[in-house]
């Protein structure tokens, strides 16, 4: 009888008992005995539970909301697609555990960051040594009305490029208005030095072939910084090849005149960006600030072009057909200026 009692199974209540007696003055959560740890397994020594480390595969299978397919390594075809179009590779377990998926989706795709940082440091050195001192001297010597005339002049020279890209983007109404601006400012505005077209409510826009490629479907692309040219994306690098034949300044055959115009345009553009220097000086990571600001501005420009195209094709209701205001001073490929109160 004693042997039978010894071999009898224990009551079920004992199975749910805590593993250790709580110390006086401490509390044990009510569900401590009801929530078994998946990483606990029973050993052969007297039925004692020992805690073992879970494998990464077990953690992935236990993580709520994580798809096992999302943790697989990207295929060669996916890598090739990402190299061309800039799509981020397949999500890793760390990405799947991100607290804010929306923030992860907006992160800048910058797989060439080590190389880009070196080029960024080189560009900053050239800027500090050449471009910024020239821009500061230009602002100090040239009166503001004359500087505005120079900006208007180069903006007017960019109208043919904007016109062609608006046609390619399927925005005929904007293209006709850009052509009208060019005619009015080239004649009444004395070669574009003055801007009577704005007084006639003809909006100033700036488009390039990189934006056109974005309209055609290449909406996301990896970031790349070019020596002397500054921040770009892989899409915008291809866009430069389409913009160069349409550049009026590059069509000037006289070398001295062409180089002078290009130098003046560079100094004028850098002078417009002097207001960003204080913000960049206070940034913890200047490279990340420039990269993220550039990508956000390009996304805003491309999405604005898509909305304008939908408006002209009648795909939007009337209350959504107000066009976005563009900054009339900073060109399309420049860094964004901080908005008032932003």
Protein backbone atom coordinates (compact mmCIF):
# COMPACT_ATOMS: atom_id res chain seq x y z
CA UNK A 1 0.00 0.00 0.00
CA UNK A 2 2.84 2.37 0.79
CA UNK A 3 4.35 1.69 -2.62
CA UNK A 4 1.04 2.39 -4.31
CA UNK A 5 0.73 5.72 -2.45
CA UNK A 6 4.24 6.68 -3.40
CA UNK A 7 3.61 5.99 -7.07
CA UNK A 8 0.24 7.77 -7.20
CA UNK A 9 0.18 10.99 -9.32
CA UNK A 10 0.23 14.29 -7.52
CA UNK A 11 -2.91 16.49 -7.54
CA UNK A 12 -3.29 18.94 -10.43
CA UNK A 13 -3.11 21.89 -8.06
CA UNK A 14 0.51 21.06 -7.29
CA UNK A 15 1.43 21.47 -10.99
CA UNK A 16 0.44 25.10 -10.91
CA UNK A 17 2.34 25.89 -7.72
CA UNK A 18 5.09 28.53 -7.95
CA UNK A 19 8.60 27.31 -8.43
CA UNK A 20 9.95 29.09 -5.37
CA UNK A 21 8.51 30.42 -2.18
CA UNK A 22 8.22 34.22 -2.38
CA UNK A 23 10.31 36.23 -0.01
CA UNK A 24 8.46 38.08 2.69
CA UNK A 25 7.51 41.62 1.71
CA UNK A 26 7.41 40.88 -2.04
CA UNK A 27 4.44 40.28 -4.28
CA UNK A 28 4.02 37.76 -7.03
CA UNK A 29 1.91 38.66 -10.10
CA UNK A 30 -1.42 36.87 -10.22
CA UNK A 31 -0.67 35.33 -13.59
CA UNK A 32 2.86 34.24 -12.75
CA UNK A 33 1.79 30.61 -12.36
CA UNK A 34 -0.51 30.68 -15.38
CA UNK A 35 1.89 32.16 -18.00
CA UNK A 36 4.59 29.57 -18.75
CA UNK A 37 7.75 30.91 -20.30
CA UNK A 38 8.30 29.38 -23.74
CA UNK A 39 12.02 29.36 -23.11
CA UNK A 40 11.59 27.06 -20.09
CA UNK A 41 12.00 23.32 -20.64
CA UNK A 42 11.84 20.34 -18.34
CA UNK A 43 15.05 18.51 -17.55
CA UNK A 44 15.45 14.91 -16.62
CA UNK A 45 16.75 15.61 -13.11
CA UNK A 46 13.67 15.14 -10.94
CA UNK A 47 11.33 17.16 -13.16
CA UNK A 48 13.00 20.46 -12.27
CA UNK A 49 12.42 23.31 -14.74
CA UNK A 50 15.55 24.98 -16.04
CA UNK A 51 15.62 28.17 -18.12
CA UNK A 52 17.43 27.93 -21.43
CA UNK A 53 18.09 30.58 -24.05
CA UNK A 54 15.68 30.48 -26.99
CA UNK A 55 17.13 30.21 -30.46
CA UNK A 56 16.61 33.07 -32.98
CA UNK A 57 14.26 30.84 -34.98
CA UNK A 58 12.17 30.23 -31.85
CA UNK A 59 12.07 33.95 -31.06
CA UNK A 60 10.96 34.74 -34.61
CA UNK A 61 8.21 32.12 -34.42
CA UNK A 62 7.04 33.45 -31.04
CA UNK A 63 7.13 37.17 -31.96
CA UNK A 64 3.54 38.32 -32.53
CA UNK A 65 2.76 39.68 -35.98
CA UNK A 66 6.09 38.67 -37.56
CA UNK A 67 5.80 36.82 -40.84
CA UNK A 68 8.37 34.09 -41.29
CA UNK A 69 8.71 34.98 -44.98
CA UNK A 70 9.70 38.53 -44.07
CA UNK A 71 12.78 37.25 -42.22
CA UNK A 72 14.14 35.41 -45.26
CA UNK A 73 17.19 36.83 -47.01
CA UNK A 74 16.48 38.76 -50.25
CA UNK A 75 16.96 36.88 -53.48
CA UNK A 76 19.42 37.88 -56.22
CA UNK A 77 16.57 39.30 -58.29
CA UNK A 78 15.43 41.44 -55.36
CA UNK A 79 18.98 42.73 -54.86
CA UNK A 80 19.20 43.67 -58.54
CA UNK A 81 15.88 45.48 -58.37
CA UNK A 82 16.97 47.35 -55.24
CA UNK A 83 20.25 48.40 -56.88
CA UNK A 84 18.37 50.05 -59.73
CA UNK A 85 15.22 51.42 -58.16
CA UNK A 86 16.38 52.03 -54.61
CA UNK A 87 13.84 49.85 -52.83
CA UNK A 88 14.97 48.73 -49.39
CA UNK A 89 15.81 45.02 -49.07
CA UNK A 90 13.54 42.56 -47.33
CA UNK A 91 12.71 43.38 -43.73
CA UNK A 92 14.94 41.90 -41.06
CA UNK A 93 13.72 40.68 -37.67
CA UNK A 94 15.05 43.91 -36.15
CA UNK A 95 12.97 45.93 -38.62
CA UNK A 96 9.94 43.82 -37.85
CA UNK A 97 10.28 44.63 -34.17
CA UNK A 98 10.41 48.40 -34.81
CA UNK A 99 8.06 50.32 -32.57
CA UNK A 100 6.82 52.62 -35.33
CA UNK A 101 6.44 50.94 -38.74
CA UNK A 102 5.54 54.27 -40.36
CA UNK A 103 8.84 55.75 -39.25
CA UNK A 104 10.76 52.77 -40.61
CA UNK A 105 9.00 53.14 -43.96
CA UNK A 106 10.08 56.78 -44.21
CA UNK A 107 13.71 56.06 -43.40
CA UNK A 108 16.20 57.15 -46.03
CA UNK A 109 17.54 54.37 -48.21
CA UNK A 110 21.28 54.96 -48.18
CA UNK A 111 23.24 51.71 -48.73
CA UNK A 112 26.23 53.72 -50.04
CA UNK A 113 26.50 55.79 -46.85
CA UNK A 114 30.22 55.18 -46.14
CA UNK A 115 31.18 56.41 -49.61
CA UNK A 116 28.62 59.23 -49.51
CA UNK A 117 29.98 60.52 -46.20
CA UNK A 118 33.48 60.81 -47.65
CA UNK A 119 32.18 62.72 -50.67
CA UNK A 120 30.10 64.91 -48.34
CA UNK A 121 33.21 65.79 -46.33
CA UNK A 122 35.01 66.71 -49.56
CA UNK A 123 32.10 68.87 -50.72
CA UNK A 124 32.00 70.64 -47.37
CA UNK A 125 35.71 71.40 -47.59
CA UNK A 126 35.27 72.89 -51.07
CA UNK A 127 32.25 74.86 -49.87
CA UNK A 128 34.10 76.32 -46.90
CA UNK A 129 37.15 77.20 -48.99
CA UNK A 130 35.49 78.52 -52.17
CA UNK A 131 31.70 78.59 -52.55
CA UNK A 132 30.66 80.07 -49.21
CA UNK A 133 33.24 82.92 -49.13
CA UNK A 134 32.26 83.89 -52.70
CA UNK A 135 28.57 83.85 -51.78
CA UNK A 136 29.17 85.99 -48.69
CA UNK A 137 31.19 88.49 -50.69
CA UNK A 138 28.50 88.51 -53.37
CA UNK A 139 25.81 89.32 -50.79
CA UNK A 140 27.98 92.00 -49.17
CA UNK A 141 28.85 93.79 -52.41
CA UNK A 142 25.83 93.35 -54.69
CA UNK A 143 22.59 95.12 -53.64
CA UNK A 144 19.56 92.94 -53.07
CA UNK A 145 17.50 94.27 -56.04
CA UNK A 146 20.36 93.43 -58.39
CA UNK A 147 20.73 89.97 -56.86
CA UNK A 148 17.00 89.42 -57.39
CA UNK A 149 17.46 90.39 -61.03
CA UNK A 150 20.23 87.80 -61.41
CA UNK A 151 18.00 85.14 -59.84
CA UNK A 152 15.13 86.08 -62.16
CA UNK A 153 17.46 85.93 -65.16
CA UNK A 154 18.64 82.37 -64.47
CA UNK A 155 15.13 81.26 -63.56
CA UNK A 156 13.92 82.52 -66.94
CA UNK A 157 16.73 80.61 -68.70
CA UNK A 158 15.44 77.45 -67.03
CA UNK A 159 11.91 77.88 -68.40
CA UNK A 160 12.53 75.84 -71.60
CA UNK A 161 13.73 72.89 -69.50
CA UNK A 162 10.68 73.20 -67.26
CA UNK A 163 8.38 73.45 -70.29
CA UNK A 164 9.71 70.25 -71.89
CA UNK A 165 9.47 68.27 -68.65
CA UNK A 166 5.92 69.45 -68.00
CA UNK A 167 4.95 68.24 -71.47
CA UNK A 168 6.61 64.89 -70.78
CA UNK A 169 4.78 64.68 -67.44
CA UNK A 170 1.41 65.12 -69.13
CA UNK A 171 0.68 68.59 -67.72
CA UNK A 172 -0.22 70.69 -70.77
CA UNK A 173 -1.86 73.52 -68.84
CA UNK A 174 1.25 74.10 -66.70
CA UNK A 175 3.44 73.81 -69.80
CA UNK A 176 1.47 76.51 -71.63
CA UNK A 177 1.70 78.80 -68.60
CA UNK A 178 5.47 78.24 -68.35
CA UNK A 179 5.87 79.05 -72.02
CA UNK A 180 3.83 82.24 -71.49
CA UNK A 181 6.06 83.22 -68.56
CA UNK A 182 9.15 82.77 -70.71
CA UNK A 183 7.76 84.94 -73.52
CA UNK A 184 6.54 87.69 -71.20
CA UNK A 185 9.68 87.86 -69.07
CA UNK A 186 12.02 87.61 -72.07
CA UNK A 187 10.34 90.60 -73.71
CA UNK A 188 8.70 92.85 -71.14
CA UNK A 189 11.09 91.66 -68.43
CA UNK A 190 14.20 92.57 -70.49
CA UNK A 191 15.64 89.09 -70.84
CA UNK A 192 14.13 87.88 -67.58
CA UNK A 193 15.85 90.39 -65.29
CA UNK A 194 12.39 91.56 -64.22
CA UNK A 195 9.40 89.35 -63.52
CA UNK A 196 6.20 90.91 -64.90
CA UNK A 197 4.75 87.44 -65.44
CA UNK A 198 4.28 87.00 -61.69
CA UNK A 199 2.27 90.23 -61.62
CA UNK A 200 0.03 88.62 -64.25
CA UNK A 201 -0.57 85.66 -61.88
CA UNK A 202 1.53 83.29 -63.99
CA UNK A 203 3.05 80.91 -61.46
CA UNK A 204 6.75 80.17 -61.38
CA UNK A 205 7.64 76.48 -61.48
CA UNK A 206 10.84 74.51 -61.80
CA UNK A 207 10.94 70.98 -63.21
CA UNK A 208 13.72 68.62 -64.21
CA UNK A 209 14.04 65.21 -65.80
CA UNK A 210 14.55 63.54 -62.43
CA UNK A 211 11.03 64.62 -61.48
CA UNK A 212 9.79 63.36 -64.85
CA UNK A 213 11.30 59.94 -64.16
CA UNK A 214 9.51 60.00 -60.81
CA UNK A 215 6.25 60.76 -62.62
CA UNK A 216 6.88 57.82 -64.95
CA UNK A 217 7.07 55.42 -62.00
CA UNK A 218 10.61 55.67 -60.57
CA UNK A 219 9.30 57.16 -57.33
CA UNK A 220 11.89 55.84 -54.87
CA UNK A 221 15.63 55.71 -55.34
CA UNK A 222 18.77 55.30 -53.29
CA UNK A 223 20.64 58.37 -52.11
CA UNK A 224 23.99 59.31 -53.63
CA UNK A 225 26.16 62.41 -53.19
CA UNK A 226 28.21 63.52 -56.18
CA UNK A 227 31.49 65.46 -55.93
CA UNK A 228 30.78 69.19 -56.44
CA UNK A 229 27.19 68.48 -57.56
CA UNK A 230 26.02 67.64 -54.05
CA UNK A 231 23.10 65.44 -52.95
CA UNK A 232 21.22 63.44 -55.56
CA UNK A 233 19.50 60.11 -55.96
CA UNK A 234 20.36 57.45 -58.51
CA UNK A 235 17.25 58.52 -60.40
CA UNK A 236 18.38 62.15 -60.46
CA UNK A 237 21.81 61.16 -61.76
CA UNK A 238 20.11 59.68 -64.82
CA UNK A 239 17.96 62.81 -64.91
CA UNK A 240 21.05 65.00 -65.29
CA UNK A 241 21.74 63.31 -68.63
CA UNK A 242 18.32 64.41 -69.83
CA UNK A 243 18.64 67.96 -68.50
CA UNK A 244 22.04 68.85 -69.95
CA UNK A 245 21.01 68.99 -73.64
CA UNK A 246 18.16 71.36 -72.71
CA UNK A 247 20.29 73.76 -70.65
CA UNK A 248 20.42 77.19 -72.29
CA UNK A 249 23.66 78.10 -70.52
CA UNK A 250 25.41 74.98 -71.80
CA UNK A 251 24.37 75.87 -75.34
CA UNK A 252 26.49 79.02 -75.28
CA UNK A 253 29.41 78.40 -77.64
CA UNK A 254 31.75 81.10 -76.33
CA UNK A 255 33.74 79.46 -73.54
CA UNK A 256 34.39 82.63 -71.54
CA UNK A 257 30.74 83.63 -71.54
CA UNK A 258 29.54 80.12 -70.69
CA UNK A 259 31.99 79.69 -67.79
CA UNK A 260 31.14 83.16 -66.46
CA UNK A 261 27.42 82.43 -66.54
CA UNK A 262 27.88 79.06 -64.85
CA UNK A 263 30.05 80.60 -62.13
CA UNK A 264 27.57 83.42 -61.51
CA UNK A 265 24.70 80.93 -61.33
CA UNK A 266 26.63 78.84 -58.79
CA UNK A 267 27.37 81.85 -56.60
CA UNK A 268 23.77 83.07 -56.85
CA UNK A 269 22.42 79.65 -55.83
CA UNK A 270 24.87 79.38 -52.91
CA UNK A 271 23.90 82.87 -51.75
CA UNK A 272 20.27 81.78 -51.53
CA UNK A 273 21.29 78.94 -49.21
CA UNK A 274 23.26 81.03 -46.72
CA UNK A 275 20.26 81.05 -44.39
CA UNK A 276 20.69 77.28 -43.93
CA UNK A 277 24.23 77.55 -42.59
CA UNK A 278 23.15 78.27 -39.02
CA UNK A 279 20.81 75.28 -39.00
CA UNK A 280 23.50 73.00 -40.40
CA UNK A 281 26.06 74.26 -37.88
CA UNK A 282 23.78 73.23 -34.99
CA UNK A 283 23.03 69.78 -36.43
CA UNK A 284 24.45 66.77 -34.63
CA UNK A 285 25.00 65.02 -37.99
CA UNK A 286 25.26 67.39 -40.95
CA UNK A 287 25.33 64.54 -43.46
CA UNK A 288 22.09 63.01 -42.18
CA UNK A 289 20.42 66.44 -42.12
CA UNK A 290 21.36 67.19 -45.75
CA UNK A 291 20.41 63.71 -46.94
CA UNK A 292 17.01 63.58 -45.23
CA UNK A 293 16.11 67.15 -46.22
CA UNK A 294 17.04 66.48 -49.83
CA UNK A 295 15.03 63.26 -50.05
CA UNK A 296 12.00 64.82 -48.37
CA UNK A 297 12.04 67.76 -50.75
CA UNK A 298 12.35 65.55 -53.82
CA UNK A 299 9.47 63.39 -52.59
CA UNK A 300 7.38 66.52 -52.04
CA UNK A 301 8.16 67.76 -55.55
CA UNK A 302 7.33 64.47 -57.27
CA UNK A 303 4.14 63.91 -55.31
CA UNK A 304 3.13 67.53 -56.00
CA UNK A 305 3.65 66.92 -59.73
CA UNK A 306 1.46 63.83 -59.55
CA UNK A 307 -1.30 65.79 -57.82
CA UNK A 308 -1.09 68.55 -60.44
CA UNK A 309 -1.32 66.00 -63.23
CA UNK A 310 -4.36 64.38 -61.61
CA UNK A 311 -5.93 67.83 -61.26
CA UNK A 312 -5.49 68.61 -64.96
CA UNK A 313 -6.90 65.23 -65.94
CA UNK A 314 -9.99 65.80 -63.81
CA UNK A 315 -9.30 62.99 -61.33
CA UNK A 316 -9.68 65.15 -58.23
CA UNK A 317 -12.70 66.93 -56.77
CA UNK A 318 -12.84 70.72 -56.87
CA UNK A 319 -11.83 71.24 -53.24
CA UNK A 320 -8.53 69.39 -53.84
CA UNK A 321 -7.54 71.24 -57.01
CA UNK A 322 -5.60 74.08 -55.39
CA UNK A 323 -1.98 73.81 -56.42
CA UNK A 324 0.87 73.72 -53.95
CA UNK A 325 2.80 76.97 -53.66
CA UNK A 326 6.41 76.60 -54.75
CA UNK A 327 9.24 78.59 -53.30
CA UNK A 328 9.84 81.19 -56.05
CA UNK A 329 13.50 81.72 -55.19
CA UNK A 330 15.17 78.40 -54.46
CA UNK A 331 15.57 76.19 -57.57
CA UNK A 332 14.08 72.71 -57.69
CA UNK A 333 17.39 70.96 -56.99
CA UNK A 334 18.35 73.08 -53.97
CA UNK A 335 18.01 72.33 -50.27
CA UNK A 336 14.65 73.21 -48.71
CA UNK A 337 14.40 76.43 -46.73
CA UNK A 338 12.83 76.19 -43.26
CA UNK A 339 9.20 77.24 -43.32
CA UNK A 340 8.01 80.03 -40.99
CA UNK A 341 7.02 78.53 -37.68
CA UNK A 342 8.17 75.08 -38.85
